[in-house]
Amino acid sequence: TPGIPGRDGLKGEKGECMRESIEESWTPNFKQCSWS
């Protein structure tokens, strides 16, 4: 027969807050002005 479920483990340490950022694809943006 299946055994008795084990007891809960110890509480883990507090983790660091990770903020995921979704970056949009970068479109090149440049300009040139010239004088002869």
PDB file of all heavy atoms in Angstrom:
ATOM      1  N   THR A   1       0.839  -1.198   0.000  1.00  0.00           N
ATOM      2  CA  THR A   1       0.000   0.000   0.000  1.00  0.00           C
ATOM      3  C   THR A   1       0.876   1.251   0.000  1.00  0.00           C
ATOM      4  O   THR A   1       2.009   1.215   0.477  1.00  0.00           O
ATOM      5  CB  THR A   1      -0.910   0.015   1.236  1.00  0.00           C
ATOM      6  OG1 THR A   1      -0.081  -0.062   2.415  1.00  0.00           O
ATOM      7  CG2 THR A   1      -1.838  -1.178   1.235  1.00  0.00           C
ATOM      8  N   PRO A   2       0.370   2.370  -0.555  1.00  0.00           N
ATOM      9  CA  PRO A   2       1.161   3.613  -0.547  1.00  0.00           C
ATOM     10  C   PRO A   2       1.507   4.056   0.867  1.00  0.00           C
ATOM     11  O   PRO A   2       0.740   3.866   1.814  1.00  0.00           O
ATOM     12  CB  PRO A   2       0.230   4.616  -1.241  1.00  0.00           C
ATOM     13  CG  PRO A   2      -0.716   3.778  -2.047  1.00  0.00           C
ATOM     14  CD  PRO A   2      -0.918   2.522  -1.248  1.00  0.00           C
ATOM     15  N   GLY A   3       2.687   4.638   0.996  1.00  0.00           N
ATOM     16  CA  GLY A   3       3.131   5.103   2.301  1.00  0.00           C
ATOM     17  C   GLY A   3       2.446   6.389   2.732  1.00  0.00           C
ATOM     18  O   GLY A   3       1.695   7.028   1.978  1.00  0.00           O
ATOM     19  N   ILE A   4       2.713   6.742   3.948  1.00  0.00           N
ATOM     20  CA  ILE A   4       2.129   7.972   4.501  1.00  0.00           C
ATOM     21  C   ILE A   4       2.871   9.172   3.919  1.00  0.00           C
ATOM     22  O   ILE A   4       4.096   9.161   3.835  1.00  0.00           O
ATOM     23  CB  ILE A   4       2.245   7.965   6.034  1.00  0.00           C
ATOM     24  CG1 ILE A   4       1.523   6.735   6.607  1.00  0.00           C
ATOM     25  CG2 ILE A   4       1.691   9.252   6.621  1.00  0.00           C
ATOM     26  CD1 ILE A   4       1.696   6.567   8.098  1.00  0.00           C
ATOM     27  N   PRO A   5       2.150  10.208   3.473  1.00  0.00           N
ATOM     28  CA  PRO A   5       2.844  11.393   2.931  1.00  0.00           C
ATOM     29  C   PRO A   5       3.792  12.003   3.959  1.00  0.00           C
ATOM     30  O   PRO A   5       3.508  12.031   5.163  1.00  0.00           O
ATOM     31  CB  PRO A   5       1.685  12.354   2.593  1.00  0.00           C
ATOM     32  CG  PRO A   5       0.484  11.469   2.451  1.00  0.00           C
ATOM     33  CD  PRO A   5       0.684  10.338   3.420  1.00  0.00           C
ATOM     34  N   GLY A   6       4.949  12.477   3.450  1.00  0.00           N
ATOM     35  CA  GLY A   6       5.926  13.093   4.339  1.00  0.00           C
ATOM     36  C   GLY A   6       5.480  14.460   4.832  1.00  0.00           C
ATOM     37  O   GLY A   6       4.560  15.086   4.275  1.00  0.00           O
ATOM     38  N   ARG A   7       6.131  14.909   5.860  1.00  0.00           N
ATOM     39  CA  ARG A   7       5.775  16.206   6.420  1.00  0.00           C
ATOM     40  C   ARG A   7       6.393  17.335   5.600  1.00  0.00           C
ATOM     41  O   ARG A   7       7.302  17.114   4.795  1.00  0.00           O
ATOM     42  CB  ARG A   7       6.265  16.300   7.855  1.00  0.00           C
ATOM     43  CG  ARG A   7       7.777  16.191   7.993  1.00  0.00           C
ATOM     44  CD  ARG A   7       8.195  16.270   9.436  1.00  0.00           C
ATOM     45  NE  ARG A   7       9.648  16.218   9.568  1.00  0.00           N
ATOM     46  CZ  ARG A   7      10.286  16.273  10.731  1.00  0.00           C
ATOM     47  NH1 ARG A   7       9.596  16.382  11.848  1.00  0.00           N
ATOM     48  NH2 ARG A   7      11.600  16.206  10.781  1.00  0.00           N
ATOM     49  N   ASP A   8       5.882  18.516   5.783  1.00  0.00           N
ATOM     50  CA  ASP A   8       6.374  19.681   5.049  1.00  0.00           C
ATOM     51  C   ASP A   8       7.812  19.994   5.460  1.00  0.00           C
ATOM     52  O   ASP A   8       8.198  19.835   6.616  1.00  0.00           O
ATOM     53  CB  ASP A   8       5.491  20.904   5.319  1.00  0.00           C
ATOM     54  CG  ASP A   8       4.071  20.695   4.800  1.00  0.00           C
ATOM     55  OD1 ASP A   8       3.907  19.836   3.915  1.00  0.00           O
ATOM     56  OD2 ASP A   8       3.144  21.378   5.275  1.00  0.00           O
ATOM     57  N   GLY A   9       8.587  20.459   4.464  1.00  0.00           N
ATOM     58  CA  GLY A   9       9.970  20.816   4.727  1.00  0.00           C
ATOM     59  C   GLY A   9      10.087  22.183   5.389  1.00  0.00           C
ATOM     60  O   GLY A   9       9.086  22.882   5.632  1.00  0.00           O
ATOM     61  N   LEU A  10      11.322  22.543   5.700  1.00  0.00           N
ATOM     62  CA  LEU A  10      11.575  23.822   6.333  1.00  0.00           C
ATOM     63  C   LEU A  10      11.330  24.968   5.359  1.00  0.00           C
ATOM     64  O   LEU A  10      11.465  24.816   4.140  1.00  0.00           O
ATOM     65  CB  LEU A  10      13.021  23.876   6.840  1.00  0.00           C
ATOM     66  CG  LEU A  10      13.409  22.799   7.871  1.00  0.00           C
ATOM     67  CD1 LEU A  10      14.882  22.929   8.221  1.00  0.00           C
ATOM     68  CD2 LEU A  10      12.538  22.927   9.125  1.00  0.00           C
ATOM     69  N   LYS A  11      10.978  26.099   5.894  1.00  0.00           N
ATOM     70  CA  LYS A  11      10.699  27.267   5.064  1.00  0.00           C
ATOM     71  C   LYS A  11      12.002  27.779   4.458  1.00  0.00           C
ATOM     72  O   LYS A  11      13.003  27.928   5.141  1.00  0.00           O
ATOM     73  CB  LYS A  11      10.038  28.360   5.911  1.00  0.00           C
ATOM     74  CG  LYS A  11       9.583  29.560   5.106  1.00  0.00           C
ATOM     75  CD  LYS A  11       8.864  30.564   5.987  1.00  0.00           C
ATOM     76  CE  LYS A  11       8.397  31.771   5.175  1.00  0.00           C
ATOM     77  NZ  LYS A  11       7.689  32.765   6.027  1.00  0.00           N
ATOM     78  N   GLY A  12      11.972  28.038   3.164  1.00  0.00           N
ATOM     79  CA  GLY A  12      13.157  28.509   2.481  1.00  0.00           C
ATOM     80  C   GLY A  12      13.433  29.982   2.720  1.00  0.00           C
ATOM     81  O   GLY A  12      12.589  30.725   3.252  1.00  0.00           O
ATOM     82  N   GLU A  13      14.627  30.393   2.331  1.00  0.00           N
ATOM     83  CA  GLU A  13      15.007  31.795   2.478  1.00  0.00           C
ATOM     84  C   GLU A  13      14.290  32.670   1.459  1.00  0.00           C
ATOM     85  O   GLU A  13      13.877  32.199   0.394  1.00  0.00           O
ATOM     86  CB  GLU A  13      16.518  31.939   2.312  1.00  0.00           C
ATOM     87  CG  GLU A  13      17.328  31.165   3.344  1.00  0.00           C
ATOM     88  CD  GLU A  13      18.813  31.333   3.130  1.00  0.00           C
ATOM     89  OE1 GLU A  13      19.176  32.012   2.136  1.00  0.00           O
ATOM     90  OE2 GLU A  13      19.601  30.800   3.923  1.00  0.00           O
ATOM     91  N   LYS A  14      14.160  33.918   1.803  1.00  0.00           N
ATOM     92  CA  LYS A  14      13.482  34.857   0.921  1.00  0.00           C
ATOM     93  C   LYS A  14      14.345  35.109  -0.306  1.00  0.00           C
ATOM     94  O   LYS A  14      15.520  35.406  -0.212  1.00  0.00           O
ATOM     95  CB  LYS A  14      13.216  36.179   1.653  1.00  0.00           C
ATOM     96  CG  LYS A  14      12.411  37.173   0.843  1.00  0.00           C
ATOM     97  CD  LYS A  14      12.128  38.428   1.640  1.00  0.00           C
ATOM     98  CE  LYS A  14      11.317  39.428   0.822  1.00  0.00           C
ATOM     99  NZ  LYS A  14      11.032  40.675   1.588  1.00  0.00           N
ATOM    100  N   GLY A  15      13.724  34.972  -1.481  1.00  0.00           N
ATOM    101  CA  GLY A  15      14.454  35.164  -2.719  1.00  0.00           C
ATOM    102  C   GLY A  15      14.492  36.618  -3.158  1.00  0.00           C
ATOM    103  O   GLY A  15      13.796  37.477  -2.609  1.00  0.00           O
ATOM    104  N   GLU A  16      15.341  36.881  -4.129  1.00  0.00           N
ATOM    105  CA  GLU A  16      15.458  38.226  -4.660  1.00  0.00           C
ATOM    106  C   GLU A  16      14.376  38.470  -5.701  1.00  0.00           C
ATOM    107  O   GLU A  16      13.965  37.565  -6.428  1.00  0.00           O
ATOM    108  CB  GLU A  16      16.834  38.416  -5.308  1.00  0.00           C
ATOM    109  CG  GLU A  16      17.993  38.267  -4.325  1.00  0.00           C
ATOM    110  CD  GLU A  16      19.328  38.461  -5.007  1.00  0.00           C
ATOM    111  OE1 GLU A  16      19.306  38.666  -6.247  1.00  0.00           O
ATOM    112  OE2 GLU A  16      20.355  38.396  -4.320  1.00  0.00           O
ATOM    113  N   CYS A  17      13.925  39.683  -5.743  1.00  0.00           N
ATOM    114  CA  CYS A  17      12.879  40.054  -6.687  1.00  0.00           C
ATOM    115  C   CYS A  17      13.509  40.274  -8.057  1.00  0.00           C
ATOM    116  O   CYS A  17      14.393  41.126  -8.223  1.00  0.00           O
ATOM    117  CB  CYS A  17      12.164  41.320  -6.212  1.00  0.00           C
ATOM    118  SG  CYS A  17      10.836  41.849  -7.311  1.00  0.00           S
ATOM    119  N   MET A  18      13.090  39.497  -9.002  1.00  0.00           N
ATOM    120  CA  MET A  18      13.603  39.606 -10.359  1.00  0.00           C
ATOM    121  C   MET A  18      12.513  40.187 -11.246  1.00  0.00           C
ATOM    122  O   MET A  18      11.390  39.681 -11.286  1.00  0.00           O
ATOM    123  CB  MET A  18      14.017  38.226 -10.891  1.00  0.00           C
ATOM    124  CG  MET A  18      15.086  37.539 -10.047  1.00  0.00           C
ATOM    125  SD  MET A  18      16.651  38.425 -10.063  1.00  0.00           S
ATOM    126  CE  MET A  18      17.107  38.199 -11.763  1.00  0.00           C
ATOM    127  N   ARG A  19      12.859  41.253 -11.909  1.00  0.00           N
ATOM    128  CA  ARG A  19      11.901  41.921 -12.780  1.00  0.00           C
ATOM    129  C   ARG A  19      12.283  41.624 -14.222  1.00  0.00           C
ATOM    130  O   ARG A  19      13.360  41.980 -14.693  1.00  0.00           O
ATOM    131  CB  ARG A  19      11.928  43.423 -12.532  1.00  0.00           C
ATOM    132  CG  ARG A  19      10.934  44.203 -13.390  1.00  0.00           C
ATOM    133  CD  ARG A  19      10.963  45.671 -13.036  1.00  0.00           C
ATOM    134  NE  ARG A  19      10.584  45.867 -11.639  1.00  0.00           N
ATOM    135  CZ  ARG A  19      10.629  47.063 -11.037  1.00  0.00           C
ATOM    136  NH1 ARG A  19      11.036  48.129 -11.709  1.00  0.00           N
ATOM    137  NH2 ARG A  19      10.274  47.169  -9.766  1.00  0.00           N
ATOM    138  N   GLU A  20      11.381  40.944 -14.876  1.00  0.00           N
ATOM    139  CA  GLU A  20      11.626  40.604 -16.263  1.00  0.00           C
ATOM    140  C   GLU A  20      11.211  41.762 -17.158  1.00  0.00           C
ATOM    141  O   GLU A  20      10.128  42.333 -16.997  1.00  0.00           O
ATOM    142  CB  GLU A  20      10.850  39.348 -16.656  1.00  0.00           C
ATOM    143  CG  GLU A  20      11.283  38.104 -15.886  1.00  0.00           C
ATOM    144  CD  GLU A  20      10.523  36.885 -16.346  1.00  0.00           C
ATOM    145  OE1 GLU A  20       9.669  37.061 -17.241  1.00  0.00           O
ATOM    146  OE2 GLU A  20      10.782  35.803 -15.809  1.00  0.00           O
ATOM    147  N   SER A  21      12.064  42.089 -18.046  1.00  0.00           N
ATOM    148  CA  SER A  21      11.777  43.173 -18.975  1.00  0.00           C
ATOM    149  C   SER A  21      11.741  42.612 -20.385  1.00  0.00           C
ATOM    150  O   SER A  21      12.639  41.884 -20.798  1.00  0.00           O
ATOM    151  CB  SER A  21      12.843  44.272 -18.878  1.00  0.00           C
ATOM    152  OG  SER A  21      14.115  43.743 -19.180  1.00  0.00           O
ATOM    153  N   ILE A  22      10.672  42.924 -21.056  1.00  0.00           N
ATOM    154  CA  ILE A  22      10.506  42.480 -22.429  1.00  0.00           C
ATOM    155  C   ILE A  22      10.922  43.627 -23.335  1.00  0.00           C
ATOM    156  O   ILE A  22      10.257  44.666 -23.404  1.00  0.00           O
ATOM    157  CB  ILE A  22       9.052  42.061 -22.705  1.00  0.00           C
ATOM    158  CG1 ILE A  22       8.632  40.935 -21.741  1.00  0.00           C
ATOM    159  CG2 ILE A  22       8.883  41.632 -24.157  1.00  0.00           C
ATOM    160  CD1 ILE A  22       7.186  40.550 -21.876  1.00  0.00           C
ATOM    161  N   GLU A  23      12.040  43.436 -23.988  1.00  0.00           N
ATOM    162  CA  GLU A  23      12.573  44.486 -24.844  1.00  0.00           C
ATOM    163  C   GLU A  23      12.058  44.306 -26.265  1.00  0.00           C
ATOM    164  O   GLU A  23      12.026  43.195 -26.798  1.00  0.00           O
ATOM    165  CB  GLU A  23      14.097  44.460 -24.841  1.00  0.00           C
ATOM    166  CG  GLU A  23      14.718  44.736 -23.481  1.00  0.00           C
ATOM    167  CD  GLU A  23      16.227  44.754 -23.561  1.00  0.00           C
ATOM    168  OE1 GLU A  23      16.741  44.493 -24.674  1.00  0.00           O
ATOM    169  OE2 GLU A  23      16.865  45.016 -22.529  1.00  0.00           O
ATOM    170  N   GLU A  24      11.659  45.422 -26.832  1.00  0.00           N
ATOM    171  CA  GLU A  24      11.229  45.405 -28.214  1.00  0.00           C
ATOM    172  C   GLU A  24      12.452  45.318 -29.129  1.00  0.00           C
ATOM    173  O   GLU A  24      13.555  45.685 -28.755  1.00  0.00           O
ATOM    174  CB  GLU A  24      10.422  46.666 -28.519  1.00  0.00           C
ATOM    175  CG  GLU A  24       9.159  46.796 -27.664  1.00  0.00           C
ATOM    176  CD  GLU A  24       8.420  48.084 -27.968  1.00  0.00           C
ATOM    177  OE1 GLU A  24       8.906  48.841 -28.841  1.00  0.00           O
ATOM    178  OE2 GLU A  24       7.382  48.314 -27.342  1.00  0.00           O
ATOM    179  N   SER A  25      12.229  44.811 -30.287  1.00  0.00           N
ATOM    180  CA  SER A  25      13.324  44.763 -31.253  1.00  0.00           C
ATOM    181  C   SER A  25      13.750  46.188 -31.614  1.00  0.00           C
ATOM    182  O   SER A  25      12.908  47.060 -31.837  1.00  0.00           O
ATOM    183  CB  SER A  25      12.873  43.993 -32.500  1.00  0.00           C
ATOM    184  OG  SER A  25      11.746  44.625 -33.082  1.00  0.00           O
ATOM    185  N   TRP A  26      15.077  46.399 -31.630  1.00  0.00           N
ATOM    186  CA  TRP A  26      15.605  47.746 -31.857  1.00  0.00           C
ATOM    187  C   TRP A  26      15.679  48.033 -33.351  1.00  0.00           C
ATOM    188  O   TRP A  26      16.229  47.252 -34.129  1.00  0.00           O
ATOM    189  CB  TRP A  26      16.988  47.874 -31.236  1.00  0.00           C
ATOM    190  CG  TRP A  26      17.543  49.259 -31.369  1.00  0.00           C
ATOM    191  CD1 TRP A  26      18.408  49.705 -32.320  1.00  0.00           C
ATOM    192  CD2 TRP A  26      17.245  50.372 -30.538  1.00  0.00           C
ATOM    193  NE1 TRP A  26      18.674  51.030 -32.136  1.00  0.00           N
ATOM    194  CE2 TRP A  26      17.970  51.470 -31.054  1.00  0.00           C
ATOM    195  CE3 TRP A  26      16.435  50.550 -29.430  1.00  0.00           C
ATOM    196  CZ2 TRP A  26      17.923  52.736 -30.479  1.00  0.00           C
ATOM    197  CZ3 TRP A  26      16.378  51.803 -28.856  1.00  0.00           C
ATOM    198  CH2 TRP A  26      17.122  52.890 -29.363  1.00  0.00           C
ATOM    199  N   THR A  27      15.101  49.175 -33.718  1.00  0.00           N
ATOM    200  CA  THR A  27      15.144  49.633 -35.108  1.00  0.00           C
ATOM    201  C   THR A  27      16.177  50.742 -35.226  1.00  0.00           C
ATOM    202  O   THR A  27      16.102  51.728 -34.475  1.00  0.00           O
ATOM    203  CB  THR A  27      13.771  50.148 -35.556  1.00  0.00           C
ATOM    204  OG1 THR A  27      12.806  49.106 -35.395  1.00  0.00           O
ATOM    205  CG2 THR A  27      13.811  50.584 -37.015  1.00  0.00           C
ATOM    206  N   PRO A  28      17.145  50.620 -36.099  1.00  0.00           N
ATOM    207  CA  PRO A  28      18.151  51.686 -36.240  1.00  0.00           C
ATOM    208  C   PRO A  28      17.499  53.033 -36.575  1.00  0.00           C
ATOM    209  O   PRO A  28      16.554  53.107 -37.367  1.00  0.00           O
ATOM    210  CB  PRO A  28      19.032  51.189 -37.388  1.00  0.00           C
ATOM    211  CG  PRO A  28      18.832  49.713 -37.411  1.00  0.00           C
ATOM    212  CD  PRO A  28      17.435  49.468 -36.993  1.00  0.00           C
ATOM    213  N   ASN A  29      18.029  54.082 -35.944  1.00  0.00           N
ATOM    214  CA  ASN A  29      17.502  55.439 -36.140  1.00  0.00           C
ATOM    215  C   ASN A  29      18.689  56.395 -36.214  1.00  0.00           C
ATOM    216  O   ASN A  29      19.360  56.632 -35.201  1.00  0.00           O
ATOM    217  CB  ASN A  29      16.557  55.815 -35.004  1.00  0.00           C
ATOM    218  CG  ASN A  29      15.907  57.165 -35.220  1.00  0.00           C
ATOM    219  OD1 ASN A  29      15.863  57.673 -36.346  1.00  0.00           O
ATOM    220  ND2 ASN A  29      15.407  57.761 -34.147  1.00  0.00           N
ATOM    221  N   PHE A  30      18.976  56.904 -37.364  1.00  0.00           N
ATOM    222  CA  PHE A  30      20.122  57.816 -37.546  1.00  0.00           C
ATOM    223  C   PHE A  30      19.791  58.812 -38.667  1.00  0.00           C
ATOM    224  O   PHE A  30      18.857  58.614 -39.468  1.00  0.00           O
ATOM    225  CB  PHE A  30      21.402  57.039 -37.873  1.00  0.00           C
ATOM    226  CG  PHE A  30      21.304  56.218 -39.131  1.00  0.00           C
ATOM    227  CD1 PHE A  30      21.656  56.781 -40.354  1.00  0.00           C
ATOM    228  CD2 PHE A  30      20.880  54.905 -39.099  1.00  0.00           C
ATOM    229  CE1 PHE A  30      21.576  56.050 -41.523  1.00  0.00           C
ATOM    230  CE2 PHE A  30      20.798  54.170 -40.268  1.00  0.00           C
ATOM    231  CZ  PHE A  30      21.152  54.732 -41.486  1.00  0.00           C
ATOM    232  N   LYS A  31      20.650  59.884 -38.709  1.00  0.00           N
ATOM    233  CA  LYS A  31      20.466  60.942 -39.715  1.00  0.00           C
ATOM    234  C   LYS A  31      21.798  61.631 -39.967  1.00  0.00           C
ATOM    235  O   LYS A  31      22.623  61.748 -39.051  1.00  0.00           O
ATOM    236  CB  LYS A  31      19.436  61.953 -39.238  1.00  0.00           C
ATOM    237  CG  LYS A  31      19.098  63.032 -40.265  1.00  0.00           C
ATOM    238  CD  LYS A  31      18.046  63.984 -39.738  1.00  0.00           C
ATOM    239  CE  LYS A  31      17.709  65.067 -40.766  1.00  0.00           C
ATOM    240  NZ  LYS A  31      16.683  66.001 -40.253  1.00  0.00           N
ATOM    241  N   GLN A  32      21.967  62.110 -41.192  1.00  0.00           N
ATOM    242  CA  GLN A  32      23.183  62.844 -41.567  1.00  0.00           C
ATOM    243  C   GLN A  32      22.802  64.140 -42.315  1.00  0.00           C
ATOM    244  O   GLN A  32      21.986  64.112 -43.218  1.00  0.00           O
ATOM    245  CB  GLN A  32      24.091  61.988 -42.455  1.00  0.00           C
ATOM    246  CG  GLN A  32      25.293  62.735 -42.992  1.00  0.00           C
ATOM    247  CD  GLN A  32      26.193  61.870 -43.838  1.00  0.00           C
ATOM    248  OE1 GLN A  32      27.246  61.476 -43.380  1.00  0.00           O
ATOM    249  NE2 GLN A  32      25.791  61.575 -45.070  1.00  0.00           N
ATOM    250  N   CYS A  33      23.437  65.239 -41.879  1.00  0.00           N
ATOM    251  CA  CYS A  33      23.310  66.522 -42.573  1.00  0.00           C
ATOM    252  C   CYS A  33      24.704  66.922 -43.056  1.00  0.00           C
ATOM    253  O   CYS A  33      25.660  66.893 -42.266  1.00  0.00           O
ATOM    254  CB  CYS A  33      22.748  67.600 -41.649  1.00  0.00           C
ATOM    255  SG  CYS A  33      21.076  67.233 -41.022  1.00  0.00           S
ATOM    256  N   SER A  34      24.838  67.322 -44.318  1.00  0.00           N
ATOM    257  CA  SER A  34      26.158  67.635 -44.890  1.00  0.00           C
ATOM    258  C   SER A  34      26.087  68.917 -45.729  1.00  0.00           C
ATOM    259  O   SER A  34      25.036  69.287 -46.256  1.00  0.00           O
ATOM    260  CB  SER A  34      26.658  66.456 -45.727  1.00  0.00           C
ATOM    261  OG  SER A  34      25.749  66.169 -46.778  1.00  0.00           O
ATOM    262  N   TRP A  35      27.305  69.581 -45.851  1.00  0.00           N
ATOM    263  CA  TRP A  35      27.452  70.819 -46.617  1.00  0.00           C
ATOM    264  C   TRP A  35      28.729  70.713 -47.457  1.00  0.00           C
ATOM    265  O   TRP A  35      29.762  70.283 -46.971  1.00  0.00           O
ATOM    266  CB  TRP A  35      27.540  72.006 -45.682  1.00  0.00           C
ATOM    267  CG  TRP A  35      26.295  72.143 -44.808  1.00  0.00           C
ATOM    268  CD1 TRP A  35      25.218  72.892 -45.070  1.00  0.00           C
ATOM    269  CD2 TRP A  35      26.084  71.514 -43.541  1.00  0.00           C
ATOM    270  NE1 TRP A  35      24.285  72.773 -44.054  1.00  0.00           N
ATOM    271  CE2 TRP A  35      24.805  71.922 -43.087  1.00  0.00           C
ATOM    272  CE3 TRP A  35      26.825  70.617 -42.730  1.00  0.00           C
ATOM    273  CZ2 TRP A  35      24.250  71.496 -41.888  1.00  0.00           C
ATOM    274  CZ3 TRP A  35      26.274  70.205 -41.549  1.00  0.00           C
ATOM    275  CH2 TRP A  35      24.990  70.633 -41.124  1.00  0.00           C
ATOM    276  N   SER A  36      28.603  71.099 -48.688  1.00  0.00           N
ATOM    277  CA  SER A  36      29.761  70.966 -49.592  1.00  0.00           C
ATOM    278  C   SER A  36      30.862  71.976 -49.275  1.00  0.00           C
ATOM    279  O   SER A  36      32.047  71.630 -49.311  1.00  0.00           O
ATOM    280  CB  SER A  36      29.316  71.126 -51.061  1.00  0.00           C
ATOM    281  OG  SER A  36      28.718  72.403 -51.257  1.00  0.00           O
TER     282      SER A  36
END
